[in-house]
């Protein structure tokens, strides 16, 4: 709080009012509704839900609007709201094998059971600006025309089953089996992060981690900083059922569907004189359509498993403490942004020390070697 700034709370109120006017923009233009953001800025909404750890498209769209499109601020808002929510139940593990697939591709096998489903993606676009979008209503009419020309799906048409691609390797013992957790996984939102962290906690941290940070780390592993030679075994996106088992019933009930993106990477093989060579795995999962995030998460997950395979750990993406301590964008934003808060006393002490050192230097002349000093901000500084 800038209590020392002239005007105090009144100045802050004016700053809030100015922010509201900037967010609204030109009042001659129609206001952007939460429903429009939810329906037309889906990928932004999905990222906010994933890194905000709340599956609620409407609240995520509200956060995007309130933050004027600043996704990191929107994630902060949604994460803060999450802390006020009660925990009513714990769901059963979702079965992504029964996903109602909207998109499903594999870069390892051309022909897979259920086929390759391209779905909605920018992968096959030419990355050219579409100036039709500048003409109001023209793009919408084009979409309506294309939709009307498509053959309607038969009412009794069933979705082709899409078995997991990696099971084709698993059936031959060519890839490590996914090890089921025997214990209830920890909860990163209720328990402080401790090292070494088990894989369940690491995956939670990566799911909430900043997409850009994880993407940079994933890229580094492909360039040799992490002993990672990946193949995209399968990437699938679609809807899965969420179930809970109420104590009074004793059996599972379906409470709704959520949209997820799942990425399974096939990584370099390991083996020894006691164990036949096998491919290893990396795993990523996020809310909505977040393919890039899920892939980056899977690559970093595999790098963080270096200790399991007795690999050397000499790269940033293999350093558990480095990755997990810095991937959370809310914490990173808070620690960097705290530098905007008043540090008058700290700076004055540094300034006085510098003046004293310069005075001593001038008194004794430039021929005398100056003592080495460390004027960096001390580690005991208390941040807000």
Foldseek 3Di string as FASTA:
>chain_A
DPCVDPPHPNVVVVVVVVLVDVLQDDPVDDGDDLVCCLVPVVVLLQLLCQLLVHPDSSLLSVLCSSVSNPSLSSSVVSNVVVVVDDDDADWDDWDCQQFPFQAKDFQPDCDAQLHGHHHDDCPPPPPDDDCLVVPPPRVVVVVVVVVVPDDDDDPPDDRGRGGQQCVVCVVVPQADDDDDDPDDDDDCVVDPDDPPDDLVVLQSLLSNFDLVVLLVLLVVVCVPQQQWDKGFGMKTKGKTWIWGQDPVRRDIDTDDIFIKIKTKIWTAWAADPVGDIHTYIFIAMGGDDDRSSGVSRRSLSVSCCCVVRVHDNDGQSNDSCNCSVPRNSSVVCQVVVLVVPDPPVLVVVLVVVVVVQVVVCVVVDVVDDGDDDDSDDDPPDDTD
